[in-house]
Structures are given as C-alpha cells and as structure tokens.
C-alpha cells in the first residue's frame, strides 16, 4: 500500500518538552494518542465533536481540540498538555485562583479551562469579564455556572498586570 493507504504511520513530535517517536494508527485522534499511548490523561474526552473543550491542548502554541486533530497531523509539532503546562509552573497562579474561588467542582473541564485561560492571559493586559466569557465559550462546565471561573481568571489577570507594572517601575 502507498502512503495514503497506510494504517499506521511513524510520527516524531515534542510533547511537554520531551521528544516522542511513535507508530500510530493513521486515524487516531491526538487526545486518544496522548491518553492511550503516552499516559497523559489530563486532557479529557467529552463530546468528541470539538464543542466541549475537555480535550484542549496546545499545538505549536495554538489552542486546539485534541478530538479534532489526528495524531499524525502533529508530526514535527510541539504539543503541550495540562500536565506539561502545570509541571512548568506557568499556571500555578491560575490553579491557585481556581481553588481559592471554588472555580472547579468535578474537575472534568478544568484542564481545558486552565489552558484556555492561560492562552487568553498570555497576551497581557486585563481582559473584561465579557472577553473572558467569550474566550472560554467553547469550554463547557456543568458544575460551577462559570461565575467563579471568570472571577478566578479576572483576579489572576489583575494580579499579573499589577506585578508587571511594579516590575516596570514608575513611568
């Protein structure tokens, strides 16, 4: 069979800073590959249609739904999961704020919410509550009602902005 007929393909990618080389089924989704082949279970499988946000990961710095991307499409890519982002300490303040504000209940949506929030806040500044809601509109939470999630993200945005201003010194 030619390349188009291959059932399994070799891929090489970087996952959470580690080089990974695997042979994967051509039609295996990225979230299934991360969970089943690499044991990274922080990204969840929810709707399998890209609308709930439970499978959110970063691919080359872009927020993507892992259920809509095939693992073979990530050949040569840099993939970051909630495990890698959390282990790096990059979202420690968000995790703390989610806990303090009771912005997590069952935890199923939390990884996607945290990745989405970090992506939003990476641009700097303090987004409005409406902007936060809009940015997270593709992430479903059935437990919190979103208010606490927005509160947590807003508080981190304000704290990060204050810390940047203090670091910059007087204008």
Protein backbone atom coordinates (compact mmCIF):
# COMPACT_ATOMS: atom_id res chain seq x y z
CA UNK A 1 0.00 0.00 0.00
CA UNK A 2 1.14 3.55 -0.71
CA UNK A 3 1.35 6.30 1.90
CA UNK A 4 -2.35 7.11 1.51
CA UNK A 5 -3.29 3.53 2.34
CA UNK A 6 -1.11 3.14 5.43
CA UNK A 7 -2.98 2.08 8.55
CA UNK A 8 -0.11 3.07 10.86
CA UNK A 9 2.42 5.86 10.46
CA UNK A 10 5.58 6.86 12.28
CA UNK A 11 5.48 10.28 13.89
CA UNK A 12 8.01 12.36 15.76
CA UNK A 13 6.89 15.25 17.91
CA UNK A 14 7.76 17.07 21.12
CA UNK A 15 5.29 16.57 23.97
CA UNK A 16 5.75 18.65 27.11
CA UNK A 17 9.40 19.20 26.25
CA UNK A 18 10.14 15.52 25.57
CA UNK A 19 10.92 14.09 22.14
CA UNK A 20 8.45 11.35 21.24
CA UNK A 21 8.67 8.88 18.37
CA UNK A 22 5.75 6.51 17.97
CA UNK A 23 3.98 4.41 15.37
CA UNK A 24 0.31 5.35 15.47
CA UNK A 25 -2.86 4.37 13.73
CA UNK A 26 -3.47 6.87 10.95
CA UNK A 27 -6.94 7.77 12.22
CA UNK A 28 -6.15 8.01 15.96
CA UNK A 29 -7.01 11.40 17.41
CA UNK A 30 -4.43 13.44 19.26
CA UNK A 31 -6.31 13.18 22.56
CA UNK A 32 -6.52 9.40 22.24
CA UNK A 33 -2.80 9.24 21.42
CA UNK A 34 -1.92 11.39 24.44
CA UNK A 35 -4.13 9.40 26.80
CA UNK A 36 -3.67 5.84 25.50
CA UNK A 37 -0.13 5.83 24.11
CA UNK A 38 1.60 8.37 26.34
CA UNK A 39 -0.47 8.03 29.54
CA UNK A 40 -1.20 11.78 29.68
CA UNK A 41 -4.77 11.66 30.95
CA UNK A 42 -5.23 15.30 31.94
CA UNK A 43 -6.93 16.08 28.64
CA UNK A 44 -10.35 14.50 28.73
CA UNK A 45 -12.62 13.03 26.11
CA UNK A 46 -16.04 14.62 26.23
CA UNK A 47 -18.19 15.27 23.21
CA UNK A 48 -15.68 14.08 20.56
CA UNK A 49 -17.00 16.85 18.32
CA UNK A 50 -14.82 19.77 19.43
CA UNK A 51 -17.51 21.72 21.23
CA UNK A 52 -16.98 20.93 24.93
CA UNK A 53 -13.29 21.87 25.31
CA UNK A 54 -12.43 18.94 27.58
CA UNK A 55 -9.70 17.76 25.20
CA UNK A 56 -7.98 21.15 24.84
CA UNK A 57 -4.21 21.14 24.29
CA UNK A 58 -1.66 23.43 22.69
CA UNK A 59 -0.12 22.54 19.33
CA UNK A 60 2.72 24.83 18.32
CA UNK A 61 1.34 27.36 20.79
CA UNK A 62 -2.20 27.33 19.40
CA UNK A 63 -5.20 26.16 21.42
CA UNK A 64 -6.71 23.14 19.66
CA UNK A 65 -9.30 20.50 20.41
CA UNK A 66 -7.45 17.20 20.63
CA UNK A 67 -10.50 15.26 19.46
CA UNK A 68 -10.50 17.10 16.12
CA UNK A 69 -6.80 16.69 15.34
CA UNK A 70 -5.25 13.43 14.23
CA UNK A 71 -2.03 12.42 15.96
CA UNK A 72 -0.34 12.06 12.55
CA UNK A 73 -1.11 15.72 11.84
CA UNK A 74 1.18 16.60 14.74
CA UNK A 75 4.26 15.03 13.18
CA UNK A 76 7.02 17.59 13.77
CA UNK A 77 4.86 19.67 16.12
CA UNK A 78 5.30 20.82 19.69
CA UNK A 79 2.37 19.65 21.85
CA UNK A 80 1.72 20.88 25.36
CA UNK A 81 -0.81 19.25 27.65
CA UNK A 82 -2.13 20.33 31.02
CA UNK A 83 0.49 18.09 32.65
CA UNK A 84 3.37 19.91 30.97
CA UNK A 85 1.95 23.37 31.49
CA UNK A 86 1.20 22.60 35.13
CA UNK A 87 4.59 21.00 35.79
CA UNK A 88 6.34 24.06 34.35
CA UNK A 89 4.69 26.29 36.97
CA UNK A 90 3.32 28.58 34.25
CA UNK A 91 -0.24 28.30 35.54
CA UNK A 92 0.40 27.95 39.28
CA UNK A 93 -1.35 31.27 39.92
CA UNK A 94 -4.37 30.20 37.85
CA UNK A 95 -4.57 26.85 39.62
CA UNK A 96 -4.41 28.61 42.98
CA UNK A 97 -7.09 31.11 41.96
CA UNK A 98 -9.37 28.33 40.68
CA UNK A 99 -9.05 26.61 44.04
CA UNK A 100 -9.49 29.78 46.12
CA UNK A 101 -12.51 30.93 44.08
CA UNK A 102 -14.11 27.46 44.02
CA UNK A 103 -13.88 27.54 40.22
CA UNK A 104 -13.64 23.80 39.99
CA UNK A 105 -16.02 21.15 41.15
CA UNK A 106 -15.70 17.76 39.49
CA UNK A 107 -12.56 18.85 37.60
CA UNK A 108 -13.53 17.42 34.22
CA UNK A 109 -13.47 20.78 32.42
CA UNK A 110 -10.65 22.29 34.48
CA UNK A 111 -7.68 21.34 32.26
CA UNK A 112 -9.32 22.89 29.20
CA UNK A 113 -10.38 25.95 31.18
CA UNK A 114 -6.85 26.46 32.51
CA UNK A 115 -5.23 26.09 29.09
CA UNK A 116 -7.76 28.48 27.58
CA UNK A 117 -7.30 30.98 30.39
CA UNK A 118 -3.52 30.85 30.09
CA UNK A 119 -3.75 31.44 26.35
CA UNK A 120 -6.01 34.44 26.92
CA UNK A 121 -3.80 35.95 29.61
CA UNK A 122 -0.58 35.35 27.66
CA UNK A 123 -1.40 38.43 25.62
CA UNK A 124 -1.01 40.63 28.71
CA UNK A 125 -3.45 43.20 29.90
CA UNK A 126 -6.66 42.64 31.82
CA UNK A 127 -9.48 41.30 29.66
CA UNK A 128 -13.01 42.32 30.51
CA UNK A 129 -15.35 39.77 32.04
CA UNK A 130 -17.17 39.61 28.70
CA UNK A 131 -13.89 38.90 26.90
CA UNK A 132 -13.10 36.12 29.39
CA UNK A 133 -16.54 34.60 28.86
CA UNK A 134 -16.20 34.85 25.08
CA UNK A 135 -12.75 33.26 25.13
CA UNK A 136 -13.99 30.34 27.21
CA UNK A 137 -17.27 29.95 25.34
CA UNK A 138 -16.06 26.69 23.77
CA UNK A 139 -15.42 25.09 27.16
CA UNK A 140 -18.41 23.53 28.89
CA UNK A 141 -18.72 23.32 32.65
CA UNK A 142 -21.73 21.58 34.11
CA UNK A 143 -20.90 22.26 37.75
CA UNK A 144 -19.83 25.83 38.51
CA UNK A 145 -22.05 28.09 36.45
CA UNK A 146 -18.91 29.89 35.16
CA UNK A 147 -19.09 32.87 37.57
CA UNK A 148 -16.32 31.50 39.78
CA UNK A 149 -14.20 30.61 36.74
CA UNK A 150 -14.48 34.15 35.37
CA UNK A 151 -13.73 35.53 38.86
CA UNK A 152 -10.59 33.41 39.12
CA UNK A 153 -9.29 34.37 35.68
CA UNK A 154 -10.06 38.04 36.24
CA UNK A 155 -8.22 38.05 39.58
CA UNK A 156 -5.13 36.46 38.03
CA UNK A 157 -5.19 38.93 35.13
CA UNK A 158 -5.34 41.84 37.59
CA UNK A 159 -2.54 40.41 39.74
CA UNK A 160 -0.30 39.73 36.74
CA UNK A 161 -0.90 43.27 35.43
CA UNK A 162 -0.06 44.76 38.84
CA UNK A 163 3.13 42.68 39.07
CA UNK A 164 4.19 43.72 35.54
CA UNK A 165 3.61 47.37 36.45
CA UNK A 166 5.61 47.04 39.68
CA UNK A 167 8.45 45.35 37.81
CA UNK A 168 8.47 48.08 35.16
CA UNK A 169 8.77 50.73 37.84
CA UNK A 170 7.48 54.30 37.72
CA UNK A 171 6.73 55.69 34.27
